[in-house]
N, C-alpha and C. Protein backbone atom coordinates (compact mmCIF):
# COMPACT_ATOMS: atom_id res chain seq x y z
N MET A 1 0.82 -1.19 0.00
CA MET A 1 0.00 0.00 0.00
C MET A 1 0.86 1.25 0.00
N GLY A 2 2.11 1.20 0.23
CA GLY A 2 3.10 2.26 0.30
C GLY A 2 2.71 3.60 -0.31
N ILE A 3 2.87 3.75 -1.63
CA ILE A 3 2.66 5.05 -2.27
C ILE A 3 1.20 5.31 -2.63
N VAL A 4 0.38 4.29 -2.69
CA VAL A 4 -1.03 4.46 -3.10
C VAL A 4 -1.78 5.32 -2.09
N GLY A 5 -1.58 5.12 -0.80
CA GLY A 5 -2.28 5.89 0.23
C GLY A 5 -2.03 7.38 0.12
N PRO A 6 -0.75 7.84 0.14
CA PRO A 6 -0.48 9.27 0.02
C PRO A 6 -0.92 9.84 -1.33
N PHE A 7 -0.80 9.06 -2.39
CA PHE A 7 -1.21 9.53 -3.71
C PHE A 7 -2.71 9.79 -3.75
N MET A 8 -3.49 8.88 -3.21
CA MET A 8 -4.95 9.06 -3.19
C MET A 8 -5.33 10.25 -2.31
N MET A 9 -4.65 10.45 -1.20
CA MET A 9 -4.93 11.58 -0.34
C MET A 9 -4.63 12.89 -1.06
N ALA A 10 -3.54 12.93 -1.82
CA ALA A 10 -3.20 14.13 -2.59
C ALA A 10 -4.27 14.42 -3.63
N LEU A 11 -4.77 13.40 -4.31
CA LEU A 11 -5.84 13.60 -5.29
C LEU A 11 -7.10 14.15 -4.64
N LEU A 12 -7.46 13.65 -3.48
CA LEU A 12 -8.63 14.15 -2.76
C LEU A 12 -8.46 15.62 -2.38
N LEU A 13 -7.28 15.98 -1.89
CA LEU A 13 -7.04 17.36 -1.51
C LEU A 13 -7.10 18.30 -2.71
N ILE A 14 -6.57 17.87 -3.83
CA ILE A 14 -6.63 18.68 -5.05
C ILE A 14 -8.07 18.85 -5.49
N GLY A 15 -8.85 17.79 -5.44
CA GLY A 15 -10.26 17.86 -5.81
C GLY A 15 -11.04 18.82 -4.93
N TRP A 16 -10.80 18.77 -3.63
CA TRP A 16 -11.50 19.68 -2.71
C TRP A 16 -11.12 21.12 -2.96
N SER A 17 -9.84 21.39 -3.24
CA SER A 17 -9.41 22.76 -3.47
C SER A 17 -9.98 23.29 -4.78
N LEU A 18 -10.07 22.45 -5.80
CA LEU A 18 -10.65 22.90 -7.06
C LEU A 18 -12.14 23.17 -6.92
N GLU A 19 -12.84 22.38 -6.13
CA GLU A 19 -14.27 22.60 -5.92
C GLU A 19 -14.50 23.95 -5.23
N GLY A 20 -13.65 24.28 -4.28
CA GLY A 20 -13.76 25.57 -3.60
C GLY A 20 -13.50 26.72 -4.55
N ALA A 21 -12.54 26.58 -5.44
CA ALA A 21 -12.25 27.62 -6.43
C ALA A 21 -13.41 27.78 -7.39
N TRP A 22 -14.02 26.67 -7.79
CA TRP A 22 -15.16 26.73 -8.69
C TRP A 22 -16.32 27.46 -8.03
N ALA A 23 -16.58 27.17 -6.76
CA ALA A 23 -17.68 27.82 -6.04
C ALA A 23 -17.45 29.32 -5.94
N ALA A 24 -16.22 29.74 -5.69
CA ALA A 24 -15.92 31.17 -5.61
C ALA A 24 -16.12 31.84 -6.96
N GLY A 25 -15.73 31.18 -8.04
CA GLY A 25 -15.95 31.73 -9.38
C GLY A 25 -17.41 31.83 -9.71
N ALA A 26 -18.18 30.84 -9.32
CA ALA A 26 -19.62 30.84 -9.58
C ALA A 26 -20.30 31.94 -8.78
N GLU A 27 -19.80 32.25 -7.59
CA GLU A 27 -20.38 33.32 -6.78
C GLU A 27 -20.23 34.66 -7.49
N ALA A 28 -19.09 34.92 -8.10
CA ALA A 28 -18.89 36.15 -8.85
C ALA A 28 -19.84 36.21 -10.05
N GLU A 29 -20.00 35.08 -10.72
CA GLU A 29 -20.93 35.02 -11.86
C GLU A 29 -22.37 35.24 -11.41
N ALA A 30 -22.73 34.71 -10.24
CA ALA A 30 -24.08 34.90 -9.71
C ALA A 30 -24.34 36.38 -9.42
N LYS A 31 -23.35 37.06 -8.85
CA LYS A 31 -23.50 38.49 -8.59
C LYS A 31 -23.64 39.27 -9.90
N ALA A 32 -22.89 38.89 -10.92
CA ALA A 32 -22.99 39.55 -12.22
C ALA A 32 -24.37 39.33 -12.84
N THR A 33 -24.92 38.13 -12.69
CA THR A 33 -26.25 37.83 -13.21
C THR A 33 -27.30 38.65 -12.49
N ALA A 34 -27.19 38.76 -11.17
CA ALA A 34 -28.13 39.58 -10.40
C ALA A 34 -28.03 41.04 -10.81
N SER A 35 -26.83 41.53 -11.00
CA SER A 35 -26.62 42.91 -11.41
C SER A 35 -27.24 43.18 -12.78
N ALA A 36 -27.12 42.23 -13.68
CA ALA A 36 -27.71 42.38 -15.02
C ALA A 36 -29.23 42.37 -14.97
N SER A 37 -29.80 41.90 -13.85
CA SER A 37 -31.25 41.85 -13.67
C SER A 37 -31.76 43.00 -12.80
N ASN A 38 -31.03 44.11 -12.79
CA ASN A 38 -31.38 45.31 -12.02
C ASN A 38 -31.44 45.08 -10.52
N CYS A 39 -30.56 44.23 -10.03
CA CYS A 39 -30.44 43.98 -8.59
C CYS A 39 -28.99 44.23 -8.21
N LYS A 40 -28.75 45.33 -7.48
CA LYS A 40 -27.39 45.60 -7.02
C LYS A 40 -27.07 44.59 -5.92
N PRO A 41 -26.15 43.64 -6.19
CA PRO A 41 -25.92 42.53 -5.26
C PRO A 41 -25.29 42.96 -3.94
N GLY A 42 -25.83 42.37 -2.89
CA GLY A 42 -25.28 42.57 -1.55
C GLY A 42 -24.87 41.22 -0.99
N LYS A 43 -25.51 40.85 0.12
CA LYS A 43 -25.20 39.57 0.76
C LYS A 43 -25.62 38.42 -0.16
N ILE A 44 -24.79 37.39 -0.20
CA ILE A 44 -25.08 36.22 -1.03
C ILE A 44 -24.95 34.97 -0.16
N GLU A 45 -25.89 34.04 -0.33
CA GLU A 45 -25.81 32.79 0.43
C GLU A 45 -26.21 31.62 -0.46
N VAL A 46 -25.68 30.46 -0.14
CA VAL A 46 -25.96 29.25 -0.90
C VAL A 46 -27.27 28.65 -0.37
N ILE A 47 -28.21 28.42 -1.28
CA ILE A 47 -29.49 27.79 -0.93
C ILE A 47 -29.40 26.29 -1.14
N ARG A 48 -28.82 25.88 -2.27
CA ARG A 48 -28.70 24.45 -2.59
C ARG A 48 -27.40 24.24 -3.36
N GLN A 49 -26.70 23.17 -3.04
CA GLN A 49 -25.46 22.84 -3.74
C GLN A 49 -25.44 21.35 -4.02
N ILE A 50 -25.26 21.01 -5.29
CA ILE A 50 -25.13 19.62 -5.72
C ILE A 50 -23.73 19.46 -6.30
N PRO A 51 -22.82 18.76 -5.59
CA PRO A 51 -21.45 18.61 -6.08
C PRO A 51 -21.37 17.60 -7.21
N GLY A 52 -20.26 17.61 -7.90
CA GLY A 52 -20.00 16.66 -8.97
C GLY A 52 -19.63 17.36 -10.26
N SER A 53 -19.35 16.58 -11.28
CA SER A 53 -18.93 17.17 -12.55
C SER A 53 -20.06 17.94 -13.22
N ASN A 54 -21.30 17.56 -12.97
CA ASN A 54 -22.46 18.29 -13.50
C ASN A 54 -23.21 18.98 -12.37
N GLY A 55 -22.48 19.39 -11.36
CA GLY A 55 -23.09 19.99 -10.18
C GLY A 55 -23.69 21.35 -10.45
N GLU A 56 -24.45 21.81 -9.48
CA GLU A 56 -25.06 23.13 -9.58
C GLU A 56 -25.13 23.75 -8.19
N ILE A 57 -25.22 25.06 -8.19
CA ILE A 57 -25.37 25.82 -6.96
C ILE A 57 -26.49 26.83 -7.19
N VAL A 58 -27.39 26.95 -6.22
CA VAL A 58 -28.42 27.98 -6.26
C VAL A 58 -28.10 28.99 -5.17
N TYR A 59 -27.96 30.26 -5.56
CA TYR A 59 -27.64 31.33 -4.64
C TYR A 59 -28.85 32.22 -4.40
N LYS A 60 -28.95 32.73 -3.20
CA LYS A 60 -29.91 33.78 -2.86
C LYS A 60 -29.10 35.06 -2.75
N VAL A 61 -29.37 36.01 -3.65
CA VAL A 61 -28.62 37.26 -3.70
C VAL A 61 -29.55 38.37 -3.23
N MET A 62 -29.19 39.02 -2.12
CA MET A 62 -29.97 40.13 -1.61
C MET A 62 -29.68 41.39 -2.44
N CYS A 63 -30.72 42.13 -2.74
CA CYS A 63 -30.59 43.37 -3.51
C CYS A 63 -30.45 44.54 -2.54
N THR A 64 -29.41 45.33 -2.67
CA THR A 64 -29.18 46.44 -1.74
C THR A 64 -30.04 47.65 -2.06
N ASP A 65 -30.57 47.73 -3.27
CA ASP A 65 -31.39 48.88 -3.66
C ASP A 65 -32.76 48.87 -2.97
N TYR A 66 -33.28 47.68 -2.67
CA TYR A 66 -34.61 47.54 -2.10
C TYR A 66 -34.54 46.69 -0.83
N GLN A 67 -35.34 47.05 0.17
CA GLN A 67 -35.37 46.24 1.39
C GLN A 67 -36.13 44.95 1.13
N GLN A 68 -35.65 43.88 1.69
CA GLN A 68 -36.31 42.56 1.64
C GLN A 68 -36.50 42.02 0.24
N MET A 69 -35.76 42.50 -0.75
CA MET A 69 -35.87 41.96 -2.10
C MET A 69 -34.62 41.11 -2.38
N PHE A 70 -34.84 39.98 -3.04
CA PHE A 70 -33.73 39.11 -3.40
C PHE A 70 -34.06 38.41 -4.72
N VAL A 71 -33.02 37.85 -5.32
CA VAL A 71 -33.19 37.03 -6.52
C VAL A 71 -32.51 35.70 -6.28
N LEU A 72 -32.99 34.67 -6.96
CA LEU A 72 -32.36 33.36 -6.92
C LEU A 72 -31.64 33.14 -8.23
N VAL A 73 -30.40 32.73 -8.14
CA VAL A 73 -29.55 32.52 -9.32
C VAL A 73 -29.01 31.10 -9.27
N GLU A 74 -29.20 30.36 -10.35
CA GLU A 74 -28.68 28.99 -10.45
C GLU A 74 -27.44 28.99 -11.33
N CYS A 75 -26.37 28.37 -10.84
CA CYS A 75 -25.12 28.29 -11.59
C CYS A 75 -24.73 26.84 -11.81
N ARG A 76 -24.42 26.52 -13.03
CA ARG A 76 -23.85 25.23 -13.39
C ARG A 76 -22.51 25.52 -14.03
N GLN A 77 -21.48 25.05 -13.37
CA GLN A 77 -20.10 25.42 -13.67
C GLN A 77 -20.03 26.94 -13.57
N ARG A 78 -19.76 27.68 -14.65
CA ARG A 78 -19.69 29.13 -14.54
C ARG A 78 -20.80 29.80 -15.33
N LEU A 79 -21.81 29.06 -15.72
CA LEU A 79 -22.97 29.60 -16.44
C LEU A 79 -24.10 29.77 -15.45
N CYS A 80 -24.56 31.00 -15.27
CA CYS A 80 -25.59 31.31 -14.29
C CYS A 80 -26.83 31.87 -14.96
N VAL A 81 -27.99 31.50 -14.44
CA VAL A 81 -29.27 32.02 -14.93
C VAL A 81 -30.12 32.48 -13.76
N LEU A 82 -30.98 33.44 -14.01
CA LEU A 82 -31.88 33.96 -13.00
C LEU A 82 -33.07 33.03 -12.88
N LEU A 83 -33.37 32.59 -11.66
CA LEU A 83 -34.53 31.74 -11.43
C LEU A 83 -35.74 32.58 -11.05
N ARG A 84 -35.51 33.56 -10.18
CA ARG A 84 -36.62 34.37 -9.71
C ARG A 84 -36.13 35.71 -9.27
């Protein structure tokens, strides 16, 4: 088992770090999508996240221009669309 154990651990760590980078990139895209929909983005939170190669993230983006107004943005990889 010598080198297989550390090699597999390294692959797992690389995968986790890439997933985190992808999520951060999708967050910026979600803010851009909200902004294009006349919502000046403020606080952003993850509503649903499905990991994997075809994963998706749904964000709730609060609009700073209006009180209690938000939009939902769905991102698959770096392509985001407005849900509501």
